[in-house]
mmCIF file of all heavy atoms, coordinates in Angstrom:
data_MODEL
# 
_entry.id   MODEL 
# 
loop_
_atom_site.group_PDB 
_atom_site.id 
_atom_site.type_symbol 
_atom_site.label_atom_id 
_atom_site.label_alt_id 
_atom_site.label_comp_id 
_atom_site.label_asym_id 
_atom_site.label_entity_id 
_atom_site.label_seq_id 
_atom_site.pdbx_PDB_ins_code 
_atom_site.Cartn_x 
_atom_site.Cartn_y 
_atom_site.Cartn_z 
_atom_site.occupancy 
_atom_site.B_iso_or_equiv 
_atom_site.pdbx_formal_charge 
_atom_site.auth_seq_id 
_atom_site.auth_comp_id 
_atom_site.auth_asym_id 
_atom_site.auth_atom_id 
_atom_site.pdbx_PDB_model_num 
ATOM 1   N N   . ASN A 1 1  ? -52.296 144.908 56.599 1.00 0.00 ? 1  ASN A N   1 
ATOM 2   C CA  . ASN A 1 1  ? -50.949 145.432 56.838 1.00 0.00 ? 1  ASN A CA  1 
ATOM 3   C C   . ASN A 1 1  ? -51.024 146.548 57.878 1.00 0.00 ? 1  ASN A C   1 
ATOM 4   O O   . ASN A 1 1  ? -51.775 147.511 57.695 1.00 0.00 ? 1  ASN A O   1 
ATOM 5   C CB  . ASN A 1 1  ? -50.364 145.960 55.524 1.00 0.00 ? 1  ASN A CB  1 
ATOM 6   C CG  . ASN A 1 1  ? -48.875 146.223 55.635 1.00 0.00 ? 1  ASN A CG  1 
ATOM 7   O OD1 . ASN A 1 1  ? -48.363 146.451 56.714 1.00 0.00 ? 1  ASN A OD1 1 
ATOM 8   N ND2 . ASN A 1 1  ? -48.201 146.177 54.507 1.00 0.00 ? 1  ASN A ND2 1 
ATOM 9   N N   . PRO A 1 2  ? -50.268 146.468 58.977 1.00 0.00 ? 2  PRO A N   1 
ATOM 10  C CA  . PRO A 1 2  ? -50.354 147.513 59.999 1.00 0.00 ? 2  PRO A CA  1 
ATOM 11  C C   . PRO A 1 2  ? -49.915 148.886 59.506 1.00 0.00 ? 2  PRO A C   1 
ATOM 12  O O   . PRO A 1 2  ? -50.462 149.904 59.940 1.00 0.00 ? 2  PRO A O   1 
ATOM 13  C CB  . PRO A 1 2  ? -49.422 147.003 61.115 1.00 0.00 ? 2  PRO A CB  1 
ATOM 14  C CG  . PRO A 1 2  ? -49.280 145.552 60.882 1.00 0.00 ? 2  PRO A CG  1 
ATOM 15  C CD  . PRO A 1 2  ? -49.402 145.345 59.414 1.00 0.00 ? 2  PRO A CD  1 
ATOM 16  N N   . VAL A 1 3  ? -48.938 148.947 58.593 1.00 0.00 ? 3  VAL A N   1 
ATOM 17  C CA  . VAL A 1 3  ? -48.500 150.238 58.069 1.00 0.00 ? 3  VAL A CA  1 
ATOM 18  C C   . VAL A 1 3  ? -49.605 150.875 57.239 1.00 0.00 ? 3  VAL A C   1 
ATOM 19  O O   . VAL A 1 3  ? -49.882 152.080 57.345 1.00 0.00 ? 3  VAL A O   1 
ATOM 20  C CB  . VAL A 1 3  ? -47.207 150.064 57.248 1.00 0.00 ? 3  VAL A CB  1 
ATOM 21  C CG1 . VAL A 1 3  ? -46.769 151.393 56.654 1.00 0.00 ? 3  VAL A CG1 1 
ATOM 22  C CG2 . VAL A 1 3  ? -46.099 149.486 58.110 1.00 0.00 ? 3  VAL A CG2 1 
ATOM 23  N N   . HIS A 1 4  ? -50.286 150.083 56.415 1.00 0.00 ? 4  HIS A N   1 
ATOM 24  C CA  . HIS A 1 4  ? -51.393 150.612 55.617 1.00 0.00 ? 4  HIS A CA  1 
ATOM 25  C C   . HIS A 1 4  ? -52.540 151.065 56.516 1.00 0.00 ? 4  HIS A C   1 
ATOM 26  O O   . HIS A 1 4  ? -53.183 152.092 56.245 1.00 0.00 ? 4  HIS A O   1 
ATOM 27  C CB  . HIS A 1 4  ? -51.877 149.543 54.636 1.00 0.00 ? 4  HIS A CB  1 
ATOM 28  C CG  . HIS A 1 4  ? -50.843 149.166 53.615 1.00 0.00 ? 4  HIS A CG  1 
ATOM 29  N ND1 . HIS A 1 4  ? -50.956 148.054 52.806 1.00 0.00 ? 4  HIS A ND1 1 
ATOM 30  C CD2 . HIS A 1 4  ? -49.662 149.753 53.276 1.00 0.00 ? 4  HIS A CD2 1 
ATOM 31  C CE1 . HIS A 1 4  ? -49.908 147.969 52.008 1.00 0.00 ? 4  HIS A CE1 1 
ATOM 32  N NE2 . HIS A 1 4  ? -49.101 148.994 52.290 1.00 0.00 ? 4  HIS A NE2 1 
ATOM 33  N N   . ALA A 1 5  ? -52.805 150.314 57.574 1.00 0.00 ? 5  ALA A N   1 
ATOM 34  C CA  . ALA A 1 5  ? -53.855 150.721 58.511 1.00 0.00 ? 5  ALA A CA  1 
ATOM 35  C C   . ALA A 1 5  ? -53.494 152.036 59.203 1.00 0.00 ? 5  ALA A C   1 
ATOM 36  O O   . ALA A 1 5  ? -54.359 152.905 59.390 1.00 0.00 ? 5  ALA A O   1 
ATOM 37  C CB  . ALA A 1 5  ? -54.086 149.622 59.541 1.00 0.00 ? 5  ALA A CB  1 
ATOM 38  N N   . ALA A 1 6  ? -52.230 152.202 59.578 1.00 0.00 ? 6  ALA A N   1 
ATOM 39  C CA  . ALA A 1 6  ? -51.803 153.455 60.213 1.00 0.00 ? 6  ALA A CA  1 
ATOM 40  C C   . ALA A 1 6  ? -51.892 154.622 59.234 1.00 0.00 ? 6  ALA A C   1 
ATOM 41  O O   . ALA A 1 6  ? -52.297 155.734 59.605 1.00 0.00 ? 6  ALA A O   1 
ATOM 42  C CB  . ALA A 1 6  ? -50.380 153.314 60.740 1.00 0.00 ? 6  ALA A CB  1 
ATOM 43  N N   . LEU A 1 7  ? -51.551 154.407 57.966 1.00 0.00 ? 7  LEU A N   1 
ATOM 44  C CA  . LEU A 1 7  ? -51.686 155.470 56.967 1.00 0.00 ? 7  LEU A CA  1 
ATOM 45  C C   . LEU A 1 7  ? -53.151 155.812 56.725 1.00 0.00 ? 7  LEU A C   1 
ATOM 46  O O   . LEU A 1 7  ? -53.490 156.983 56.498 1.00 0.00 ? 7  LEU A O   1 
ATOM 47  C CB  . LEU A 1 7  ? -51.004 155.044 55.667 1.00 0.00 ? 7  LEU A CB  1 
ATOM 48  C CG  . LEU A 1 7  ? -49.479 154.960 55.721 1.00 0.00 ? 7  LEU A CG  1 
ATOM 49  C CD1 . LEU A 1 7  ? -48.926 154.424 54.409 1.00 0.00 ? 7  LEU A CD1 1 
ATOM 50  C CD2 . LEU A 1 7  ? -48.873 156.323 56.023 1.00 0.00 ? 7  LEU A CD2 1 
ATOM 51  N N   . SER A 1 8  ? -54.026 154.822 56.772 1.00 0.00 ? 8  SER A N   1 
ATOM 52  C CA  . SER A 1 8  ? -55.459 155.108 56.662 1.00 0.00 ? 8  SER A CA  1 
ATOM 53  C C   . SER A 1 8  ? -55.949 155.931 57.849 1.00 0.00 ? 8  SER A C   1 
ATOM 54  O O   . SER A 1 8  ? -56.806 156.807 57.701 1.00 0.00 ? 8  SER A O   1 
ATOM 55  C CB  . SER A 1 8  ? -56.247 153.803 56.569 1.00 0.00 ? 8  SER A CB  1 
ATOM 56  O OG  . SER A 1 8  ? -55.910 153.099 55.405 1.00 0.00 ? 8  SER A OG  1 
ATOM 57  N N   . LEU A 1 9  ? -55.378 155.678 59.021 1.00 0.00 ? 9  LEU A N   1 
ATOM 58  C CA  . LEU A 1 9  ? -55.734 156.484 60.192 1.00 0.00 ? 9  LEU A CA  1 
ATOM 59  C C   . LEU A 1 9  ? -55.257 157.917 60.036 1.00 0.00 ? 9  LEU A C   1 
ATOM 60  O O   . LEU A 1 9  ? -55.943 158.865 60.444 1.00 0.00 ? 9  LEU A O   1 
ATOM 61  C CB  . LEU A 1 9  ? -55.149 155.836 61.450 1.00 0.00 ? 9  LEU A CB  1 
ATOM 62  C CG  . LEU A 1 9  ? -55.633 156.378 62.790 1.00 0.00 ? 9  LEU A CG  1 
ATOM 63  C CD1 . LEU A 1 9  ? -57.146 156.292 62.900 1.00 0.00 ? 9  LEU A CD1 1 
ATOM 64  C CD2 . LEU A 1 9  ? -54.992 155.615 63.928 1.00 0.00 ? 9  LEU A CD2 1 
ATOM 65  N N   . VAL A 1 10 ? -54.082 158.108 59.439 1.00 0.00 ? 10 VAL A N   1 
ATOM 66  C CA  . VAL A 1 10 ? -53.599 159.470 59.154 1.00 0.00 ? 10 VAL A CA  1 
ATOM 67  C C   . VAL A 1 10 ? -54.560 160.177 58.204 1.00 0.00 ? 10 VAL A C   1 
ATOM 68  O O   . VAL A 1 10 ? -54.910 161.352 58.395 1.00 0.00 ? 10 VAL A O   1 
ATOM 69  C CB  . VAL A 1 10 ? -52.173 159.413 58.567 1.00 0.00 ? 10 VAL A CB  1 
ATOM 70  C CG1 . VAL A 1 10 ? -51.754 160.776 58.046 1.00 0.00 ? 10 VAL A CG1 1 
ATOM 71  C CG2 . VAL A 1 10 ? -51.180 158.926 59.608 1.00 0.00 ? 10 VAL A CG2 1 
ATOM 72  N N   . LEU A 1 11 ? -55.010 159.477 57.159 1.00 0.00 ? 11 LEU A N   1 
ATOM 73  C CA  . LEU A 1 11 ? -55.964 160.059 56.220 1.00 0.00 ? 11 LEU A CA  1 
ATOM 74  C C   . LEU A 1 11 ? -57.277 160.414 56.906 1.00 0.00 ? 11 LEU A C   1 
ATOM 75  O O   . LEU A 1 11 ? -57.871 161.481 56.639 1.00 0.00 ? 11 LEU A O   1 
ATOM 76  C CB  . LEU A 1 11 ? -56.211 159.088 55.068 1.00 0.00 ? 11 LEU A CB  1 
ATOM 77  C CG  . LEU A 1 11 ? -57.249 159.523 54.021 1.00 0.00 ? 11 LEU A CG  1 
ATOM 78  C CD1 . LEU A 1 11 ? -56.822 160.809 53.342 1.00 0.00 ? 11 LEU A CD1 1 
ATOM 79  C CD2 . LEU A 1 11 ? -57.471 158.416 53.011 1.00 0.00 ? 11 LEU A CD2 1 
ATOM 80  N N   . SER A 1 12 ? -57.729 159.564 57.808 1.00 0.00 ? 12 SER A N   1 
ATOM 81  C CA  . SER A 1 12 ? -58.968 159.869 58.530 1.00 0.00 ? 12 SER A CA  1 
ATOM 82  C C   . SER A 1 12 ? -58.801 161.086 59.430 1.00 0.00 ? 12 SER A C   1 
ATOM 83  O O   . SER A 1 12 ? -59.720 161.910 59.548 1.00 0.00 ? 12 SER A O   1 
ATOM 84  C CB  . SER A 1 12 ? -59.407 158.655 59.348 1.00 0.00 ? 12 SER A CB  1 
ATOM 85  O OG  . SER A 1 12 ? -58.485 158.377 60.385 1.00 0.00 ? 12 SER A OG  1 
ATOM 86  N N   . PHE A 1 13 ? -57.629 161.249 60.056 1.00 0.00 ? 13 PHE A N   1 
ATOM 87  C CA  . PHE A 1 13 ? -57.389 162.443 60.876 1.00 0.00 ? 13 PHE A CA  1 
ATOM 88  C C   . PHE A 1 13 ? -57.396 163.709 60.019 1.00 0.00 ? 13 PHE A C   1 
ATOM 89  O O   . PHE A 1 13 ? -57.979 164.732 60.407 1.00 0.00 ? 13 PHE A O   1 
ATOM 90  C CB  . PHE A 1 13 ? -56.054 162.315 61.613 1.00 0.00 ? 13 PHE A CB  1 
ATOM 91  C CG  . PHE A 1 13 ? -56.103 161.378 62.783 1.00 0.00 ? 13 PHE A CG  1 
ATOM 92  C CD1 . PHE A 1 13 ? -54.959 160.721 63.198 1.00 0.00 ? 13 PHE A CD1 1 
ATOM 93  C CD2 . PHE A 1 13 ? -57.278 161.150 63.469 1.00 0.00 ? 13 PHE A CD2 1 
ATOM 94  C CE1 . PHE A 1 13 ? -54.994 159.849 64.277 1.00 0.00 ? 13 PHE A CE1 1 
ATOM 95  C CE2 . PHE A 1 13 ? -57.325 160.284 64.546 1.00 0.00 ? 13 PHE A CE2 1 
ATOM 96  C CZ  . PHE A 1 13 ? -56.180 159.641 64.947 1.00 0.00 ? 13 PHE A CZ  1 
ATOM 97  N N   . PHE A 1 14 ? -56.739 163.667 58.863 1.00 0.00 ? 14 PHE A N   1 
ATOM 98  C CA  . PHE A 1 14 ? -56.730 164.831 57.982 1.00 0.00 ? 14 PHE A CA  1 
ATOM 99  C C   . PHE A 1 14 ? -58.148 165.167 57.509 1.00 0.00 ? 14 PHE A C   1 
ATOM 100 O O   . PHE A 1 14 ? -58.528 166.347 57.456 1.00 0.00 ? 14 PHE A O   1 
ATOM 101 C CB  . PHE A 1 14 ? -55.823 164.568 56.773 1.00 0.00 ? 14 PHE A CB  1 
ATOM 102 C CG  . PHE A 1 14 ? -54.421 165.024 56.965 1.00 0.00 ? 14 PHE A CG  1 
ATOM 103 C CD1 . PHE A 1 14 ? -53.392 164.103 57.081 1.00 0.00 ? 14 PHE A CD1 1 
ATOM 104 C CD2 . PHE A 1 14 ? -54.098 166.362 57.032 1.00 0.00 ? 14 PHE A CD2 1 
ATOM 105 C CE1 . PHE A 1 14 ? -52.087 164.510 57.266 1.00 0.00 ? 14 PHE A CE1 1 
ATOM 106 C CE2 . PHE A 1 14 ? -52.798 166.792 57.219 1.00 0.00 ? 14 PHE A CE2 1 
ATOM 107 C CZ  . PHE A 1 14 ? -51.787 165.852 57.330 1.00 0.00 ? 14 PHE A CZ  1 
ATOM 108 N N   . THR A 1 15 ? -58.915 164.151 57.170 1.00 0.00 ? 15 THR A N   1 
ATOM 109 C CA  . THR A 1 15 ? -60.267 164.396 56.690 1.00 0.00 ? 15 THR A CA  1 
ATOM 110 C C   . THR A 1 15 ? -61.156 164.947 57.802 1.00 0.00 ? 15 THR A C   1 
ATOM 111 O O   . THR A 1 15 ? -61.978 165.837 57.564 1.00 0.00 ? 15 THR A O   1 
ATOM 112 C CB  . THR A 1 15 ? -60.860 163.100 56.132 1.00 0.00 ? 15 THR A CB  1 
ATOM 113 O OG1 . THR A 1 15 ? -59.917 162.499 55.247 1.00 0.00 ? 15 THR A OG1 1 
ATOM 114 C CG2 . THR A 1 15 ? -62.130 163.365 55.379 1.00 0.00 ? 15 THR A CG2 1 
ATOM 115 N N   . ALA A 1 16 ? -60.998 164.429 59.017 1.00 0.00 ? 16 ALA A N   1 
ATOM 116 C CA  . ALA A 1 16 ? -61.754 164.970 60.150 1.00 0.00 ? 16 ALA A CA  1 
ATOM 117 C C   . ALA A 1 16 ? -61.374 166.429 60.410 1.00 0.00 ? 16 ALA A C   1 
ATOM 118 O O   . ALA A 1 16 ? -62.234 167.253 60.750 1.00 0.00 ? 16 ALA A O   1 
ATOM 119 C CB  . ALA A 1 16 ? -61.512 164.121 61.391 1.00 0.00 ? 16 ALA A CB  1 
ATOM 120 N N   . ALA A 1 17 ? -60.085 166.753 60.231 1.00 0.00 ? 17 ALA A N   1 
ATOM 121 C CA  . ALA A 1 17 ? -59.674 168.151 60.374 1.00 0.00 ? 17 ALA A CA  1 
ATOM 122 C C   . ALA A 1 17 ? -60.319 169.028 59.306 1.00 0.00 ? 17 ALA A C   1 
ATOM 123 O O   . ALA A 1 17 ? -60.708 170.175 59.574 1.00 0.00 ? 17 ALA A O   1 
ATOM 124 C CB  . ALA A 1 17 ? -58.148 168.257 60.283 1.00 0.00 ? 17 ALA A CB  1 
ATOM 125 N N   . GLY A 1 18 ? -60.470 168.495 58.083 1.00 0.00 ? 18 GLY A N   1 
ATOM 126 C CA  . GLY A 1 18 ? -61.168 169.253 57.048 1.00 0.00 ? 18 GLY A CA  1 
ATOM 127 C C   . GLY A 1 18 ? -62.629 169.499 57.406 1.00 0.00 ? 18 GLY A C   1 
ATOM 128 O O   . GLY A 1 18 ? -63.173 170.582 57.145 1.00 0.00 ? 18 GLY A O   1 
ATOM 129 N N   . ILE A 1 19 ? -63.282 168.512 58.014 1.00 0.00 ? 19 ILE A N   1 
ATOM 130 C CA  . ILE A 1 19 ? -64.678 168.696 58.442 1.00 0.00 ? 19 ILE A CA  1 
ATOM 131 C C   . ILE A 1 19 ? -64.764 169.741 59.546 1.00 0.00 ? 19 ILE A C   1 
ATOM 132 O O   . ILE A 1 19 ? -65.678 170.565 59.578 1.00 0.00 ? 19 ILE A O   1 
ATOM 133 C CB  . ILE A 1 19 ? -65.274 167.351 58.883 1.00 0.00 ? 19 ILE A CB  1 
ATOM 134 C CG1 . ILE A 1 19 ? -65.376 166.407 57.683 1.00 0.00 ? 19 ILE A CG1 1 
ATOM 135 C CG2 . ILE A 1 19 ? -66.646 167.534 59.511 1.00 0.00 ? 19 ILE A CG2 1 
ATOM 136 C CD1 . ILE A 1 19 ? -65.865 165.023 58.023 1.00 0.00 ? 19 ILE A CD1 1 
ATOM 137 N N   . TRP A 1 20 ? -63.783 169.741 60.455 1.00 0.00 ? 20 TRP A N   1 
ATOM 138 C CA  . TRP A 1 20 ? -63.748 170.778 61.486 1.00 0.00 ? 20 TRP A CA  1 
ATOM 139 C C   . TRP A 1 20 ? -63.583 172.157 60.868 1.00 0.00 ? 20 TRP A C   1 
ATOM 140 O O   . TRP A 1 20 ? -64.180 173.134 61.340 1.00 0.00 ? 20 TRP A O   1 
ATOM 141 C CB  . TRP A 1 20 ? -62.614 170.515 62.472 1.00 0.00 ? 20 TRP A CB  1 
ATOM 142 C CG  . TRP A 1 20 ? -62.896 169.466 63.503 1.00 0.00 ? 20 TRP A CG  1 
ATOM 143 C CD1 . TRP A 1 20 ? -62.269 168.266 63.630 1.00 0.00 ? 20 TRP A CD1 1 
ATOM 144 C CD2 . TRP A 1 20 ? -63.874 169.524 64.544 1.00 0.00 ? 20 TRP A CD2 1 
ATOM 145 N NE1 . TRP A 1 20 ? -62.795 167.565 64.682 1.00 0.00 ? 20 TRP A NE1 1 
ATOM 146 C CE2 . TRP A 1 20 ? -63.778 168.308 65.265 1.00 0.00 ? 20 TRP A CE2 1 
ATOM 147 C CE3 . TRP A 1 20 ? -64.806 170.464 64.927 1.00 0.00 ? 20 TRP A CE3 1 
ATOM 148 C CZ2 . TRP A 1 20 ? -64.589 168.032 66.350 1.00 0.00 ? 20 TRP A CZ2 1 
ATOM 149 C CZ3 . TRP A 1 20 ? -65.624 170.179 66.014 1.00 0.00 ? 20 TRP A CZ3 1 
ATOM 150 C CH2 . TRP A 1 20 ? -65.505 168.975 66.708 1.00 0.00 ? 20 TRP A CH2 1 
ATOM 151 N N   . MET A 1 21 ? -62.780 172.263 59.808 1.00 0.00 ? 21 MET A N   1 
ATOM 152 C CA  . MET A 1 21 ? -62.619 173.552 59.135 1.00 0.00 ? 21 MET A CA  1 
ATOM 153 C C   . MET A 1 21 ? -63.924 174.014 58.490 1.00 0.00 ? 21 MET A C   1 
ATOM 154 O O   . MET A 1 21 ? -64.245 175.204 58.507 1.00 0.00 ? 21 MET A O   1 
ATOM 155 C CB  . MET A 1 21 ? -61.521 173.452 58.078 1.00 0.00 ? 21 MET A CB  1 
ATOM 156 C CG  . MET A 1 21 ? -60.130 173.266 58.636 1.00 0.00 ? 21 MET A CG  1 
ATOM 157 S SD  . MET A 1 21 ? -59.498 174.731 59.475 1.00 0.00 ? 21 MET A SD  1 
ATOM 158 C CE  . MET A 1 21 ? -59.239 175.803 58.086 1.00 0.00 ? 21 MET A CE  1 
ATOM 159 N N   . ILE A 1 22 ? -64.677 173.075 57.910 1.00 0.00 ? 22 ILE A N   1 
ATOM 160 C CA  . ILE A 1 22 ? -65.968 173.444 57.321 1.00 0.00 ? 22 ILE A CA  1 
ATOM 161 C C   . ILE A 1 22 ? -66.928 173.942 58.393 1.00 0.00 ? 22 ILE A C   1 
ATOM 162 O O   . ILE A 1 22 ? -67.702 174.878 58.176 1.00 0.00 ? 22 ILE A O   1 
ATOM 163 C CB  . ILE A 1 22 ? -66.560 172.229 56.580 1.00 0.00 ? 22 ILE A CB  1 
ATOM 164 C CG1 . ILE A 1 22 ? -65.702 171.875 55.367 1.00 0.00 ? 22 ILE A CG1 1 
ATOM 165 C CG2 . ILE A 1 22 ? -67.990 172.504 56.118 1.00 0.00 ? 22 ILE A CG2 1 
ATOM 166 C CD1 . ILE A 1 22 ? -66.118 170.616 54.671 1.00 0.00 ? 22 ILE A CD1 1 
ATOM 167 N N   . LEU A 1 23 ? -66.860 173.348 59.578 1.00 0.00 ? 23 LEU A N   1 
ATOM 168 C CA  . LEU A 1 23 ? -67.726 173.759 60.687 1.00 0.00 ? 23 LEU A CA  1 
ATOM 169 C C   . LEU A 1 23 ? -67.196 174.985 61.434 1.00 0.00 ? 23 LEU A C   1 
ATOM 170 O O   . LEU A 1 23 ? -67.696 175.302 62.522 1.00 0.00 ? 23 LEU A O   1 
ATOM 171 C CB  . LEU A 1 23 ? -67.881 172.588 61.664 1.00 0.00 ? 23 LEU A CB  1 
ATOM 172 C CG  . LEU A 1 23 ? -68.583 171.347 61.095 1.00 0.00 ? 23 LEU A CG  1 
ATOM 173 C CD1 . LEU A 1 23 ? -68.586 170.223 62.111 1.00 0.00 ? 23 LEU A CD1 1 
ATOM 174 C CD2 . LEU A 1 23 ? -69.998 171.691 60.668 1.00 0.00 ? 23 LEU A CD2 1 
ATOM 175 N N   . ARG A 1 24 ? -66.170 175.633 60.871 1.00 0.00 ? 24 ARG A N   1 
ATOM 176 C CA  . ARG A 1 24 ? -65.581 176.865 61.423 1.00 0.00 ? 24 ARG A CA  1 
ATOM 177 C C   . ARG A 1 24 ? -64.973 176.650 62.809 1.00 0.00 ? 24 ARG A C   1 
ATOM 178 O O   . ARG A 1 24 ? -65.066 177.509 63.676 1.00 0.00 ? 24 ARG A O   1 
ATOM 179 C CB  . ARG A 1 24 ? -66.621 177.985 61.471 1.00 0.00 ? 24 ARG A CB  1 
ATOM 180 C CG  . ARG A 1 24 ? -67.132 178.412 60.111 1.00 0.00 ? 24 ARG A CG  1 
ATOM 181 C CD  . ARG A 1 24 ? -68.167 179.510 60.219 1.00 0.00 ? 24 ARG A CD  1 
ATOM 182 N NE  . ARG A 1 24 ? -68.637 179.913 58.909 1.00 0.00 ? 24 ARG A NE  1 
ATOM 183 C CZ  . ARG A 1 24 ? -69.625 179.327 58.258 1.00 0.00 ? 24 ARG A CZ  1 
ATOM 184 N NH1 . ARG A 1 24 ? -70.236 178.275 58.805 1.00 0.00 ? 24 ARG A NH1 1 
ATOM 185 N NH2 . ARG A 1 24 ? -70.010 179.754 57.079 1.00 0.00 ? 24 ARG A NH2 1 
ATOM 186 N N   . ALA A 1 25 ? -64.374 175.486 63.000 1.00 0.00 ? 25 ALA A N   1 
ATOM 187 C CA  . ALA A 1 25 ? -63.653 175.189 64.240 1.00 0.00 ? 25 ALA A CA  1 
ATOM 188 C C   . ALA A 1 25 ? -62.177 175.018 63.890 1.00 0.00 ? 25 ALA A C   1 
ATOM 189 O O   . ALA A 1 25 ? -61.645 173.912 63.891 1.00 0.00 ? 25 ALA A O   1 
ATOM 190 C CB  . ALA A 1 25 ? -64.218 173.945 64.911 1.00 0.00 ? 25 ALA A CB  1 
ATOM 191 N N   . GLU A 1 26 ? -61.531 176.132 63.565 1.00 0.00 ? 26 GLU A N   1 
ATOM 192 C CA  . GLU A 1 26 ? -60.158 176.082 63.059 1.00 0.00 ? 26 GLU A CA  1 
ATOM 193 C C   . GLU A 1 26 ? -59.183 175.597 64.112 1.00 0.00 ? 26 GLU A C   1 
ATOM 194 O O   . GLU A 1 26 ? -58.232 174.874 63.803 1.00 0.00 ? 26 GLU A O   1 
ATOM 195 C CB  . GLU A 1 26 ? -59.731 177.461 62.542 1.00 0.00 ? 26 GLU A CB  1 
ATOM 196 C CG  . GLU A 1 26 ? -60.515 177.974 61.362 1.00 0.00 ? 26 GLU A CG  1 
ATOM 197 C CD  . GLU A 1 26 ? -61.775 178.713 61.771 1.00 0.00 ? 26 GLU A CD  1 
ATOM 198 O OE1 . GLU A 1 26 ? -61.961 178.902 62.993 1.00 0.00 ? 26 GLU A OE1 1 
ATOM 199 O OE2 . GLU A 1 26 ? -62.564 179.091 60.892 1.00 0.00 ? 26 GLU A OE2 1 
ATOM 200 N N   . PHE A 1 27 ? -59.390 175.997 65.352 1.00 0.00 ? 27 PHE A N   1 
ATOM 201 C CA  . PHE A 1 27 ? -58.460 175.589 66.410 1.00 0.00 ? 27 PHE A CA  1 
ATOM 202 C C   . PHE A 1 27 ? -58.473 174.076 66.604 1.00 0.00 ? 27 PHE A C   1 
ATOM 203 O O   . PHE A 1 27 ? -57.419 173.448 66.737 1.00 0.00 ? 27 PHE A O   1 
ATOM 204 C CB  . PHE A 1 27 ? -58.823 176.295 67.715 1.00 0.00 ? 27 PHE A CB  1 
ATOM 205 C CG  . PHE A 1 27 ? -57.960 175.888 68.873 1.00 0.00 ? 27 PHE A CG  1 
ATOM 206 C CD1 . PHE A 1 27 ? -56.681 176.392 69.000 1.00 0.00 ? 27 PHE A CD1 1 
ATOM 207 C CD2 . PHE A 1 27 ? -58.419 174.986 69.823 1.00 0.00 ? 27 PHE A CD2 1 
ATOM 208 C CE1 . PHE A 1 27 ? -55.869 176.010 70.053 1.00 0.00 ? 27 PHE A CE1 1 
ATOM 209 C CE2 . PHE A 1 27 ? -57.614 174.602 70.874 1.00 0.00 ? 27 PHE A CE2 1 
ATOM 210 C CZ  . PHE A 1 27 ? -56.345 175.120 70.991 1.00 0.00 ? 27 PHE A CZ  1 
ATOM 211 N N   . LEU A 1 28 ? -59.658 173.478 66.609 1.00 0.00 ? 28 LEU A N   1 
ATOM 212 C CA  . LEU A 1 28 ? -59.745 172.023 66.774 1.00 0.00 ? 28 LEU A CA  1 
ATOM 213 C C   . LEU A 1 28 ? -59.130 171.304 65.581 1.00 0.00 ? 28 LEU A C   1 
ATOM 214 O O   . LEU A 1 28 ? -58.499 170.252 65.743 1.00 0.00 ? 28 LEU A O   1 
ATOM 215 C CB  . LEU A 1 28 ? -61.204 171.608 66.956 1.00 0.00 ? 28 LEU A CB  1 
ATOM 216 C CG  . LEU A 1 28 ? -61.888 172.118 68.222 1.00 0.00 ? 28 LEU A CG  1 
ATOM 217 C CD1 . LEU A 1 28 ? -63.341 171.700 68.247 1.00 0.00 ? 28 LEU A CD1 1 
ATOM 218 C CD2 . LEU A 1 28 ? -61.171 171.616 69.456 1.00 0.00 ? 28 LEU A CD2 1 
ATOM 219 N N   . ALA A 1 29 ? -59.309 171.861 64.383 1.00 0.00 ? 29 ALA A N   1 
ATOM 220 C CA  . ALA A 1 29 ? -58.718 171.235 63.201 1.00 0.00 ? 29 ALA A CA  1 
ATOM 221 C C   . ALA A 1 29 ? -57.196 171.258 63.259 1.00 0.00 ? 29 ALA A C   1 
ATOM 222 O O   . ALA A 1 29 ? -56.529 170.245 63.002 1.00 0.00 ? 29 ALA A O   1 
ATOM 223 C CB  . ALA A 1 29 ? -59.215 171.940 61.942 1.00 0.00 ? 29 ALA A CB  1 
# 
């Protein structure tokens, strides 16, 4: 389903932002 795939991409972006926060790169997150 394209909508489910797009929502999974949103989740991956949020999770990548969390990893950036752990690495102390707040601006990139």
